[in-house]
Protein backbone atom coordinates (compact mmCIF):
# COMPACT_ATOMS: atom_id res chain seq x y z
CA UNK A 1 17.48 -20.06 4.62
CA UNK A 2 15.02 -20.24 7.49
CA UNK A 3 12.24 -17.66 7.22
CA UNK A 4 9.93 -16.70 10.08
CA UNK A 5 6.66 -14.93 9.24
CA UNK A 6 5.15 -12.91 12.08
CA UNK A 7 1.40 -12.28 12.20
CA UNK A 8 -0.44 -10.15 14.76
CA UNK A 9 -3.36 -12.57 14.89
CA UNK A 10 -5.21 -15.08 12.72
CA UNK A 11 -8.99 -14.80 12.70
CA UNK A 12 -11.34 -16.30 10.08
CA UNK A 13 -9.93 -15.01 6.81
CA UNK A 14 -6.93 -16.99 5.62
CA UNK A 15 -3.80 -14.79 5.69
CA UNK A 16 -3.29 -15.33 1.98
CA UNK A 17 -0.36 -12.92 1.79
CA UNK A 18 1.70 -15.06 4.14
CA UNK A 19 0.48 -18.27 2.53
CA UNK A 20 1.62 -17.09 -0.91
CA UNK A 21 4.98 -15.74 0.26
CA UNK A 22 5.65 -18.98 2.10
CA UNK A 23 4.83 -21.00 -1.01
CA UNK A 24 7.16 -18.83 -3.10
CA UNK A 25 9.92 -19.25 -0.52
CA UNK A 26 9.50 -23.00 -0.38
CA UNK A 27 9.74 -23.14 -4.16
CA UNK A 28 13.22 -21.68 -3.74
CA UNK A 29 14.20 -24.36 -1.23
CA UNK A 30 13.78 -22.28 1.92
CA UNK A 31 12.17 -23.42 5.18
CA UNK A 32 9.27 -21.34 6.51
CA UNK A 33 7.79 -20.88 9.98
CA UNK A 34 5.03 -18.81 11.56
CA UNK A 35 4.77 -16.94 14.87
CA UNK A 36 1.44 -15.43 15.93
CA UNK A 37 1.82 -12.58 18.41
CA UNK A 38 -1.58 -13.09 20.04
CA UNK A 39 -0.80 -16.72 20.88
CA UNK A 40 2.93 -17.42 20.66
CA UNK A 41 6.07 -16.24 22.43
CA UNK A 42 8.09 -14.45 19.75
CA UNK A 43 11.36 -14.54 21.68
CA UNK A 44 10.99 -18.27 22.32
CA UNK A 45 10.27 -18.82 18.62
CA UNK A 46 13.37 -16.84 17.68
CA UNK A 47 15.47 -18.93 20.04
CA UNK A 48 13.99 -22.22 18.81
CA UNK A 49 13.94 -21.53 15.06
CA UNK A 50 17.02 -19.31 14.74
CA UNK A 51 15.68 -17.70 11.54
CA UNK A 52 17.85 -16.00 8.96
CA UNK A 53 14.99 -13.70 7.94
CA UNK A 54 11.87 -12.39 9.70
CA UNK A 55 9.04 -11.02 7.55
CA UNK A 56 6.09 -8.81 8.48
CA UNK A 57 3.11 -7.70 6.36
CA UNK A 58 1.38 -4.64 7.75
CA UNK A 59 -1.77 -2.63 7.28
CA UNK A 60 -1.86 0.85 8.77
CA UNK A 61 -2.92 0.68 12.42
CA UNK A 62 -1.25 -2.67 13.04
CA UNK A 63 2.12 -1.45 11.71
CA UNK A 64 3.07 -0.19 15.17
CA UNK A 65 2.70 -3.73 16.50
CA UNK A 66 5.15 -4.97 13.90
CA UNK A 67 7.67 -2.20 14.54
CA UNK A 68 7.69 -3.25 18.20
CA UNK A 69 8.04 -6.89 17.18
CA UNK A 70 10.92 -5.91 14.92
CA UNK A 71 12.64 -4.29 17.90
CA UNK A 72 12.34 -7.60 19.76
CA UNK A 73 13.92 -9.42 16.82
CA UNK A 74 16.82 -7.00 16.56
CA UNK A 75 17.48 -7.10 20.31
CA UNK A 76 17.50 -10.89 20.17
CA UNK A 77 19.90 -11.06 17.22
CA UNK A 78 20.84 -7.95 15.22
CA UNK A 79 22.10 -10.04 12.30
CA UNK A 80 18.62 -11.38 11.50
CA UNK A 81 17.41 -9.75 8.29
CA UNK A 82 13.98 -8.15 8.75
CA UNK A 83 11.58 -6.87 6.11
CA UNK A 84 8.11 -5.34 6.17
CA UNK A 85 5.73 -5.42 3.20
CA UNK A 86 2.03 -4.74 2.77
CA UNK A 87 -0.13 -1.61 2.38
CA UNK A 88 1.58 0.50 5.06
CA UNK A 89 5.15 0.42 3.70
CA UNK A 90 3.77 0.61 0.15
CA UNK A 91 2.55 4.12 0.91
CA UNK A 92 5.19 4.95 3.52
CA UNK A 93 8.44 3.42 2.23
CA UNK A 94 10.35 6.16 4.02
CA UNK A 95 9.93 4.19 7.25
CA UNK A 96 13.16 2.42 6.23
CA UNK A 97 14.94 5.59 7.36
CA UNK A 98 13.28 5.80 10.77
CA UNK A 99 12.92 2.17 11.84
CA UNK A 100 15.37 -0.69 12.13
CA UNK A 101 14.15 -2.82 9.22
CA UNK A 102 16.70 -4.01 6.70
CA UNK A 103 14.26 -3.60 3.83
CA UNK A 104 10.65 -2.80 2.99
CA UNK A 105 8.62 -4.21 0.10
CA UNK A 106 6.46 -1.88 -1.97
CA UNK A 107 3.50 -2.86 -4.15
CA UNK A 108 3.24 -6.31 -5.72
CA UNK A 109 6.27 -8.18 -4.47
CA UNK A 110 5.83 -11.75 -5.78
CA UNK A 111 8.89 -11.58 -8.06
CA UNK A 112 10.76 -9.16 -5.81
CA UNK A 113 10.40 -11.60 -2.90
CA UNK A 114 11.88 -14.44 -4.91
CA UNK A 115 14.76 -12.25 -6.11
CA UNK A 116 15.39 -11.00 -2.57
CA UNK A 117 15.64 -14.50 -1.12
CA UNK A 118 17.92 -15.69 -3.91
CA UNK A 119 20.22 -12.69 -3.50
CA UNK A 120 20.43 -13.01 0.29
CA UNK A 121 21.08 -16.73 0.01
CA UNK A 122 23.94 -16.09 -2.43
CA UNK A 123 25.35 -13.13 -0.50
CA UNK A 124 24.62 -10.63 -3.30
CA UNK A 125 23.49 -7.00 -2.94
CA UNK A 126 19.74 -6.43 -2.90
CA UNK A 127 19.80 -2.69 -3.61
CA UNK A 128 18.94 -3.03 -7.30
CA UNK A 129 15.90 -5.28 -6.84
CA UNK A 130 12.75 -3.43 -8.00
CA UNK A 131 10.06 -2.94 -5.31
CA UNK A 132 12.62 -3.42 -2.52
CA UNK A 133 13.74 -0.35 -0.55
CA UNK A 134 16.80 -0.49 1.69
CA UNK A 135 18.89 2.05 3.55
CA UNK A 136 21.47 1.59 0.83
CA UNK A 137 19.16 2.53 -2.04
CA UNK A 138 16.57 4.75 -0.34
CA UNK A 139 18.32 7.97 -1.34
CA UNK A 140 18.07 6.87 -4.99
CA UNK A 141 14.66 5.23 -5.20
CA UNK A 142 12.62 7.47 -2.88
CA UNK A 143 11.46 10.96 -3.74
CA UNK A 144 9.57 13.73 -2.00
CA UNK A 145 5.83 13.12 -2.07
CA UNK A 146 3.93 15.66 -4.12
CA UNK A 147 1.24 17.34 -2.04
CA UNK A 148 -1.44 19.81 -2.98
CA UNK A 149 -0.90 23.09 -1.09
CA UNK A 150 -4.15 22.67 0.81
CA UNK A 151 -3.00 19.29 2.17
CA UNK A 152 -0.20 20.73 4.27
CA UNK A 153 -0.51 19.13 7.72
CA UNK A 154 -2.37 21.15 10.29
CA UNK A 155 -0.28 23.07 12.80
CA UNK A 156 1.41 20.98 15.43
CA UNK A 157 0.78 17.65 13.73
CA UNK A 158 3.39 15.07 14.60
CA UNK A 159 3.19 13.82 11.03
CA UNK A 160 4.77 16.99 9.68
CA UNK A 161 8.09 15.96 11.21
CA UNK A 162 7.97 12.33 10.12
CA UNK A 163 10.04 11.70 6.97
CA UNK A 164 8.33 8.41 6.23
CA UNK A 165 5.13 10.35 5.60
CA UNK A 166 6.80 12.61 3.05
CA UNK A 167 8.53 10.07 0.78
CA UNK A 168 7.24 7.77 -1.94
CA UNK A 169 8.88 5.28 -4.26
CA UNK A 170 9.99 6.39 -7.70
CA UNK A 171 7.99 4.65 -10.42
CA UNK A 172 11.26 3.55 -12.05
CA UNK A 173 11.87 1.24 -9.08
CA UNK A 174 8.52 -0.53 -9.51
CA UNK A 175 8.36 -3.48 -11.88
CA UNK A 176 5.17 -3.87 -13.97
CA UNK A 177 2.10 -5.50 -12.47
CA UNK A 178 1.96 -9.26 -12.54
CA UNK A 179 -0.46 -10.01 -15.35
CA UNK A 180 -0.12 -13.81 -15.41
CA UNK A 181 -1.26 -15.21 -12.08
CA UNK A 182 -1.46 -18.85 -13.16
CA UNK A 183 2.27 -19.40 -12.63
CA UNK A 184 2.00 -18.59 -8.92
CA UNK A 185 2.20 -21.61 -6.58
CA UNK A 186 -0.76 -22.83 -4.55
CA UNK A 187 -1.09 -21.14 -1.16
CA UNK A 188 0.93 -22.79 1.61
CA UNK A 189 -2.05 -23.34 3.88
CA UNK A 190 -0.20 -25.93 5.93
CA UNK A 191 1.92 -23.16 7.45
CA UNK A 192 -1.17 -21.59 9.03
CA UNK A 193 -3.52 -24.53 9.42
CA UNK A 194 -0.95 -26.66 11.27
CA UNK A 195 -1.05 -24.33 14.28
CA UNK A 196 -4.38 -22.49 14.22
CA UNK A 197 -8.13 -23.09 14.52
CA UNK A 198 -8.48 -22.64 10.75
CA UNK A 199 -7.42 -26.26 10.28
CA UNK A 200 -10.90 -27.37 11.43
CA UNK A 201 -12.90 -24.33 10.32
CA UNK A 202 -14.50 -25.28 6.97
CA UNK A 203 -14.74 -21.76 5.49
CA UNK A 204 -11.83 -21.19 3.07
CA UNK A 205 -10.75 -17.90 1.51
CA UNK A 206 -9.37 -17.43 -1.99
CA UNK A 207 -8.68 -14.53 -4.36
CA UNK A 208 -9.31 -15.21 -8.03
CA UNK A 209 -8.10 -11.78 -9.14
CA UNK A 210 -6.13 -8.67 -8.29
CA UNK A 211 -7.04 -5.05 -8.76
CA UNK A 212 -10.09 -2.78 -8.92
CA UNK A 213 -10.78 0.06 -11.38
CA UNK A 214 -13.20 2.05 -9.20
CA UNK A 215 -12.50 5.33 -7.42
CA UNK A 216 -13.91 4.81 -3.90
CA UNK A 217 -12.13 7.37 -1.74
CA UNK A 218 -11.85 5.19 1.39
CA UNK A 219 -9.86 2.56 -0.53
CA UNK A 220 -6.15 2.50 -1.44
CA UNK A 221 -6.77 0.95 -4.88
CA UNK A 222 -7.13 4.29 -6.77
CA UNK A 223 -3.76 5.47 -5.42
CA UNK A 224 -2.29 2.04 -6.16
CA UNK A 225 -3.49 2.38 -9.74
CA UNK A 226 -1.80 5.76 -10.03
CA UNK A 227 1.45 4.26 -8.71
CA UNK A 228 1.26 1.56 -11.38
CA UNK A 229 0.11 3.79 -14.25
CA UNK A 230 1.55 2.48 -17.51
CA UNK A 231 2.76 -0.73 -15.85
CA UNK A 232 0.11 -3.17 -16.96
CA UNK A 233 -3.68 -3.63 -16.73
CA UNK A 234 -5.42 -2.77 -13.49
CA UNK A 235 -7.37 -6.02 -13.25
CA UNK A 236 -5.75 -9.45 -13.58
CA UNK A 237 -7.12 -12.85 -12.65
CA UNK A 238 -6.45 -16.57 -12.62
CA UNK A 239 -7.80 -18.70 -15.42
CA UNK A 240 -10.82 -20.77 -14.44
CA UNK A 241 -8.79 -23.96 -14.91
CA UNK A 242 -6.00 -22.79 -12.58
CA UNK A 243 -8.45 -21.48 -9.98
CA UNK A 244 -10.39 -24.74 -9.84
CA UNK A 245 -7.21 -26.81 -9.69
CA UNK A 246 -6.11 -25.09 -6.48
CA UNK A 247 -9.56 -25.31 -4.93
CA UNK A 248 -9.75 -29.03 -5.72
CA UNK A 249 -6.41 -29.58 -3.99
CA UNK A 250 -7.67 -27.55 -1.03
CA UNK A 251 -10.83 -29.64 -0.70
CA UNK A 252 -8.87 -32.90 -0.89
CA UNK A 253 -6.52 -31.86 1.93
CA UNK A 254 -8.71 -29.87 4.32
CA UNK A 255 -12.35 -30.15 5.45
CA UNK A 256 -14.10 -27.52 3.37
CA UNK A 257 -17.78 -26.61 3.13
CA UNK A 258 -17.80 -23.08 1.74
CA UNK A 259 -15.56 -20.84 -0.41
CA UNK A 260 -15.26 -17.13 0.25
CA UNK A 261 -13.90 -15.30 -2.80
CA UNK A 262 -12.20 -12.27 -1.31
CA UNK A 263 -11.56 -10.39 -4.58
CA UNK A 264 -12.08 -6.62 -4.53
CA UNK A 265 -14.44 -7.22 -7.46
CA UNK A 266 -15.39 -10.75 -8.50
CA UNK A 267 -17.33 -9.54 -11.54
CA UNK A 268 -16.68 -6.25 -13.32
CA UNK A 269 -18.96 -6.50 -16.33
CA UNK A 270 -22.73 -6.13 -16.48
CA UNK A 271 -22.63 -8.65 -19.29
CA UNK A 272 -21.72 -12.31 -18.89
CA UNK A 273 -18.15 -12.34 -20.21
CA UNK A 274 -16.20 -15.40 -21.35
CA UNK A 275 -14.50 -15.91 -17.97
CA UNK A 276 -17.78 -15.92 -16.04
CA UNK A 277 -19.43 -18.19 -18.61
CA UNK A 278 -16.58 -20.71 -18.23
CA UNK A 279 -16.64 -20.36 -14.44
CA UNK A 280 -20.39 -21.09 -14.36
CA UNK A 281 -19.77 -24.29 -16.30
CA UNK A 282 -16.51 -25.57 -14.77
CA UNK A 283 -16.69 -24.55 -11.08
CA UNK A 284 -19.79 -26.62 -10.16
CA UNK A 285 -18.29 -29.66 -11.84
CA UNK A 286 -14.73 -29.36 -10.53
CA UNK A 287 -15.36 -27.79 -7.09
CA UNK A 288 -19.10 -27.90 -6.43
CA UNK A 289 -19.18 -25.90 -3.21
CA UNK A 290 -21.39 -22.90 -2.41
CA UNK A 291 -19.52 -19.61 -2.49
CA UNK A 292 -19.60 -15.93 -1.57
CA UNK A 293 -18.26 -13.06 -3.68
CA UNK A 294 -18.19 -9.27 -3.96
CA UNK A 295 -19.58 -6.97 -6.64
CA UNK A 296 -21.35 -3.61 -6.95
CA UNK A 297 -25.05 -2.80 -7.12
CA UNK A 298 -24.58 -0.93 -10.41
CA UNK A 299 -22.78 -3.94 -11.93
CA UNK A 300 -25.19 -6.70 -10.91
CA UNK A 301 -27.75 -7.70 -13.54
CA UNK A 302 -30.22 -10.51 -14.00
CA UNK A 303 -27.86 -12.08 -16.54
CA UNK A 304 -24.65 -12.16 -14.52
CA UNK A 305 -26.51 -13.09 -11.34
CA UNK A 306 -28.04 -16.05 -13.20
CA UNK A 307 -24.54 -17.16 -14.25
CA UNK A 308 -23.28 -16.87 -10.68
CA UNK A 309 -26.25 -18.90 -9.44
CA UNK A 310 -25.48 -21.64 -11.97
CA UNK A 311 -21.97 -21.76 -10.57
CA UNK A 312 -23.21 -22.17 -6.99
CA UNK A 313 -23.48 -18.64 -5.59
CA UNK A 314 -25.05 -18.61 -2.13
CA UNK A 315 -24.32 -15.09 -0.89
CA UNK A 316 -22.73 -11.87 -2.08
CA UNK A 317 -21.80 -8.44 -0.84
CA UNK A 318 -22.51 -5.09 -2.48
CA UNK A 319 -21.25 -2.26 -0.30
CA UNK A 320 -23.65 0.61 0.26
CA UNK A 321 -21.22 2.76 2.29
CA UNK A 322 -23.59 5.69 2.84
CA UNK A 323 -27.33 6.32 2.78
CA UNK A 324 -26.97 10.00 1.98
CA UNK A 325 -26.51 10.77 -1.74
CA UNK A 326 -24.02 13.60 -1.14
CA UNK A 327 -21.87 11.52 1.19
CA UNK A 328 -22.04 8.43 -1.01
CA UNK A 329 -21.30 10.08 -4.34
CA UNK A 330 -19.41 13.29 -3.56
CA UNK A 331 -17.30 12.35 -0.53
CA UNK A 332 -16.99 8.58 -0.98
CA UNK A 333 -17.34 8.62 -4.80
CA UNK A 334 -19.32 5.42 -5.10
CA UNK A 335 -21.09 6.93 -8.13
CA UNK A 336 -24.22 4.97 -7.39
CA UNK A 337 -27.85 6.06 -7.21
CA UNK A 338 -30.17 4.89 -4.46
CA UNK A 339 -32.45 3.40 -7.11
CA UNK A 340 -29.61 1.19 -8.39
CA UNK A 341 -28.85 -0.04 -4.88
CA UNK A 342 -32.44 -0.86 -4.04
CA UNK A 343 -32.98 -2.58 -7.41
CA UNK A 344 -29.91 -4.80 -6.98
CA UNK A 345 -30.89 -5.88 -3.49
CA UNK A 346 -34.46 -6.52 -4.61
CA UNK A 347 -33.08 -8.73 -7.39
CA UNK A 348 -31.07 -10.76 -4.86
CA UNK A 349 -34.08 -11.15 -2.57
CA UNK A 350 -36.21 -12.33 -5.48
CA UNK A 351 -33.57 -14.86 -6.55
CA UNK A 352 -32.96 -16.17 -3.03
CA UNK A 353 -29.42 -14.82 -2.71
CA UNK A 354 -28.26 -13.95 0.81
CA UNK A 355 -26.79 -10.43 0.98
CA UNK A 356 -24.12 -8.72 3.03
CA UNK A 357 -23.52 -4.96 3.01
CA UNK A 358 -20.76 -2.76 4.38
CA UNK A 359 -21.97 0.70 5.33
CA UNK A 360 -19.53 3.16 6.87
CA UNK A 361 -20.45 5.27 9.89
CA UNK A 362 -18.67 8.43 10.95
CA UNK A 363 -17.87 9.87 7.51
CA UNK A 364 -17.09 13.52 8.33
CA UNK A 365 -19.04 16.19 6.48
CA UNK A 366 -18.08 19.87 6.36
CA UNK A 367 -20.11 22.19 8.59
CA UNK A 368 -21.29 24.35 5.68
CA UNK A 369 -22.70 21.28 3.92
CA UNK A 370 -24.44 20.09 7.10
CA UNK A 371 -25.97 23.53 7.59
CA UNK A 372 -27.13 23.60 3.98
CA UNK A 373 -28.73 20.15 4.33
CA UNK A 374 -30.05 20.84 7.84
CA UNK A 375 -28.35 17.77 9.31
CA UNK A 376 -26.15 16.78 12.22
CA UNK A 377 -23.33 14.21 11.93
CA UNK A 378 -25.43 11.39 13.38
CA UNK A 379 -28.26 12.11 10.91
CA UNK A 380 -26.07 10.79 8.10
CA UNK A 381 -25.47 7.56 10.02
CA UNK A 382 -29.20 7.12 10.62
CA UNK A 383 -29.77 7.52 6.86
CA UNK A 384 -27.26 4.72 6.36
CA UNK A 385 -29.16 2.48 8.77
CA UNK A 386 -32.44 3.23 7.00
CA UNK A 387 -31.23 2.37 3.50
CA UNK A 388 -30.08 -1.04 4.72
CA UNK A 389 -33.51 -1.66 6.25
CA UNK A 390 -35.25 -0.62 3.01
CA UNK A 391 -32.99 -2.92 0.98
CA UNK A 392 -33.68 -5.82 3.36
CA UNK A 393 -30.00 -6.65 3.59
CA UNK A 394 -29.50 -10.01 5.27
CA UNK A 395 -26.43 -8.96 7.23
CA UNK A 396 -25.48 -5.30 7.46
CA UNK A 397 -22.11 -4.36 8.93
CA UNK A 398 -21.51 -0.81 10.15
CA UNK A 399 -17.77 -0.14 10.62
CA UNK A 400 -16.64 3.29 11.79
CA UNK A 401 -14.49 5.17 9.28
CA UNK A 402 -10.74 5.20 9.90
CA UNK A 403 -8.31 7.15 7.69
CA UNK A 404 -5.73 5.08 5.84
CA UNK A 405 -2.76 6.24 3.73
CA UNK A 406 -3.15 6.46 -0.01
CA UNK A 407 -6.86 7.19 0.28
CA UNK A 408 -8.46 10.33 -1.11
CA UNK A 409 -10.87 10.37 1.83
CA UNK A 410 -7.90 10.69 4.18
CA UNK A 411 -6.62 13.69 2.22
CA UNK A 412 -10.10 15.20 2.45
CA UNK A 413 -10.06 14.71 6.23
CA UNK A 414 -6.63 16.33 6.57
CA UNK A 415 -7.59 19.23 4.32
CA UNK A 416 -10.65 19.98 6.45
CA UNK A 417 -8.87 19.59 9.79
CA UNK A 418 -10.68 16.38 10.81
CA UNK A 419 -7.44 14.36 11.06
CA UNK A 420 -3.89 15.44 11.85
CA UNK A 421 -2.21 12.85 9.61
CA UNK A 422 -0.42 10.93 12.36
CA UNK A 423 -1.15 7.32 11.39
CA UNK A 424 0.94 5.94 14.25
CA UNK A 425 -1.90 6.76 16.64
CA UNK A 426 -4.46 4.63 14.82
CA UNK A 427 -5.73 1.43 16.38
CA UNK A 428 -5.49 -1.72 14.25
CA UNK A 429 -9.27 -2.19 14.01
CA UNK A 430 -11.87 0.12 12.49
CA UNK A 431 -14.37 -1.34 14.97
CA UNK A 432 -13.10 1.09 17.63
CA UNK A 433 -14.61 4.55 18.04
CA UNK A 434 -14.01 7.29 15.47
CA UNK A 435 -10.53 8.85 15.38
CA UNK A 436 -11.77 12.11 13.84
CA UNK A 437 -11.58 15.30 15.90
CA UNK A 438 -14.79 16.74 14.42
CA UNK A 439 -17.03 14.40 16.44
CA UNK A 440 -17.76 15.18 20.08
CA UNK A 441 -17.91 12.44 22.70
CA UNK A 442 -21.70 12.12 22.45
CA UNK A 443 -21.61 11.62 18.68
CA UNK A 444 -18.73 9.15 18.91
CA UNK A 445 -20.72 7.15 21.48
CA UNK A 446 -23.81 7.08 19.24
CA UNK A 447 -21.72 5.95 16.26
CA UNK A 448 -20.17 3.14 18.23
CA UNK A 449 -23.54 2.04 19.63
CA UNK A 450 -25.17 2.19 16.21
CA UNK A 451 -22.42 -0.01 14.78
CA UNK A 452 -23.53 -2.66 17.31
CA UNK A 453 -27.28 -2.15 17.19
CA UNK A 454 -27.61 -1.48 13.46
CA UNK A 455 -27.19 -5.10 12.31
CA UNK A 456 -29.95 -6.19 14.71
CA UNK A 457 -32.34 -3.55 13.38
CA UNK A 458 -31.65 -4.66 9.81
CA UNK A 459 -32.31 -8.30 10.76
CA UNK A 460 -35.92 -7.33 11.44
CA UNK A 461 -36.85 -4.87 8.66
CA UNK A 462 -40.57 -4.95 9.53
CA UNK A 463 -39.98 -4.06 13.19
CA UNK A 464 -40.14 -0.30 12.81
CA UNK A 465 -40.44 0.01 16.55
CA UNK A 466 -36.98 -1.55 16.97
CA UNK A 467 -35.42 0.95 14.59
CA UNK A 468 -37.16 3.85 16.35
CA UNK A 469 -36.21 2.60 19.81
CA UNK A 470 -32.58 2.30 18.69
CA UNK A 471 -32.42 5.74 17.10
CA UNK A 472 -34.44 7.61 19.71
CA UNK A 473 -33.15 5.95 22.88
CA UNK A 474 -30.72 3.03 22.81
CA UNK A 475 -27.86 4.45 20.79
CA UNK A 476 -27.68 7.48 23.11
CA UNK A 477 -27.13 5.44 26.27
CA UNK A 478 -23.67 4.58 27.68
CA UNK A 479 -24.37 0.85 27.36
CA UNK A 480 -21.84 -0.14 24.71
CA UNK A 481 -20.51 -3.07 26.74
CA UNK A 482 -24.03 -4.44 27.10
CA UNK A 483 -24.82 -3.98 23.39
CA UNK A 484 -21.76 -6.00 22.44
CA UNK A 485 -23.37 -9.30 23.44
CA UNK A 486 -26.61 -9.16 21.41
CA UNK A 487 -24.53 -7.84 18.51
CA UNK A 488 -22.14 -10.78 18.82
CA UNK A 489 -25.01 -13.28 18.91
CA UNK A 490 -26.58 -11.68 15.83
CA UNK A 491 -23.28 -11.64 13.96
CA UNK A 492 -22.56 -15.26 14.84
CA UNK A 493 -25.99 -16.42 13.72
CA UNK A 494 -25.88 -14.45 10.47
CA UNK A 495 -22.38 -15.60 9.59
CA UNK A 496 -22.66 -19.29 10.43
CA UNK A 497 -26.27 -19.92 9.42
CA UNK A 498 -27.00 -17.36 6.67
CA UNK A 499 -24.04 -15.77 4.88
CA UNK A 500 -21.58 -18.68 5.15
CA UNK A 501 -23.72 -21.65 6.21
CA UNK A 502 -21.51 -24.20 7.96
CA UNK A 503 -22.11 -27.44 9.81
CA UNK A 504 -19.89 -27.52 12.89
CA UNK A 505 -19.60 -30.15 15.55
CA UNK A 506 -20.60 -29.01 19.05
CA UNK A 507 -16.98 -28.88 20.33
CA UNK A 508 -15.85 -27.05 17.20
CA UNK A 509 -18.74 -24.60 17.50
CA UNK A 510 -18.01 -23.90 21.18
CA UNK A 511 -14.30 -23.47 20.50
CA UNK A 512 -14.97 -20.97 17.72
CA UNK A 513 -17.48 -19.01 19.79
CA UNK A 514 -14.87 -18.42 22.49
CA UNK A 515 -12.17 -17.66 19.96
CA UNK A 516 -14.39 -15.18 18.14
CA UNK A 517 -15.78 -13.35 21.15
CA UNK A 518 -12.32 -12.60 22.56
CA UNK A 519 -11.16 -11.11 19.27
CA UNK A 520 -14.29 -9.09 18.62
CA UNK A 521 -14.07 -7.61 22.11
CA UNK A 522 -10.44 -6.77 21.47
CA UNK A 523 -11.25 -4.97 18.22
CA UNK A 524 -13.57 -2.59 20.02
CA UNK A 525 -11.38 -2.07 23.07
CA UNK A 526 -7.83 -0.84 22.46
CA UNK A 527 -7.10 -0.84 26.20
CA UNK A 528 -8.45 -4.36 26.80
CA UNK A 529 -6.61 -7.61 26.25
CA UNK A 530 -8.13 -11.06 26.55
CA UNK A 531 -5.10 -13.09 25.56
CA UNK A 532 -3.40 -15.58 27.86
CA UNK A 533 -0.30 -13.47 28.40
CA UNK A 534 -0.35 -10.27 30.36
CA UNK A 535 2.23 -8.50 28.18
CA UNK A 536 1.62 -8.55 24.44
CA UNK A 537 3.36 -6.88 21.56
CA UNK A 538 0.00 -5.73 20.25
CA UNK A 539 -0.75 -3.68 23.37
CA UNK A 540 -1.25 -0.02 22.40
CA UNK A 541 1.57 2.23 23.58
CA UNK A 542 -0.46 5.41 23.92
CA UNK A 543 -3.72 7.10 23.19
CA UNK A 544 -5.59 6.74 19.94
CA UNK A 545 -6.73 9.73 17.95
CA UNK A 546 -9.66 11.61 19.37
CA UNK A 547 -8.73 11.12 23.02
CA UNK A 548 -7.73 8.29 25.33
CA UNK A 549 -8.19 4.67 24.25
CA UNK A 550 -11.96 4.12 24.02
CA UNK A 551 -13.70 1.83 26.42
CA UNK A 552 -15.60 -1.22 25.17
């Protein structure tokens, strides 16, 4: 069969989901192709390739782009089989009943994908394949979602009439987690590199593991773990030998200077376990490139950091998420003390490790709590800025909170009337202004400005005047478009020269600057498009939550 993968856009993180699915398909003798909505003409690709199957992988917010793309596919040729997988259909498999997909994939679909392709190729029914939901089996494998009484949608919410929001997959239709990752094929990077800028961009992404045992309420992993309860261990990873073998092949084929491990948690143990000990010995010998990884401040120790340094660690991220203790540990459930955060970042500074921190702005707090603490919504965001300055984070990123399905924080927002539960109104990027109804226009403006100015303040931790000027004056001004440019310069410098140090030729550098600036502008401007075509499938169809599409 001929399989066409459709991606909204390709930025600087390898789309590893597509790369793996393509590799699995090619193992089965199928031909694979890629169409990128931000750059290609989908209808022309359909006419040229004449695919038998079109596949989408969607996060919430970008799922509406893919439903519109699916409509284009079905208008072009109704007999083309279309399927959507990824986080959005995993938590909303009922969309099979409201949209014209032939199937949706739920959860880990490595084996389900292979079975699906084999069945379609042989003309067999696919209704009995675990993790695959079709119109033919949906009445058997979907069940009503259990909701706490207090999470009934607020009056008038469009979500209350949407069946895809009220159905979930029965656990009996989910196969166990994949515990042996070593038998997966190497990523099909050729599919993406052959037609995108990533071919010449020497930062490569890889995931050495799957799963995370922590309970952060903004993340889908806790709900994912509940879905898979009793179906295998939460955390699974490649052997060091298998991991290094794929990275060696990558380096031999593509210009590579730096590896970004994109695992939810690269190390889980405060002790140096057998895997990390082997990694520290084998990786520098077999791969020998500097790398970046993710962990937590309450997991990092002198011992495991020393092992990571022996392996070639250059930079790491430990999310802070909130400066306020109540927000961080009660609402977000990071279960982390300020002392632990400051100690971990001080350890990195002492050992010469470059640090990156995610800290979320716009986390809604109930009015009674704010009154008790004597704070306004923006006060919590200022606390988040200040903790990053105290920790001397190298690069601090300040995304604005967006509610995603399967997350406890989303249920909290619905329960308290901050969000009406209609995910179809969300923009694809959390860099846009807050979608929560509890923030007035002035607060939303300050949050958006602080997300741009915050990284610059953190770059200069000794410049107290810069922090004060930002908090007292700059973030209150309607100058978001102006702030974008110093923010972009700071981000570019920190990424290319500090967090992921790369040596780029002048033409390659210039090309990537233009490519990056157009996409970053787009993320913060749902009503703005900077693509070559005037009509794009990723154009928003209506307003985003919280009012009309925000301006850049």
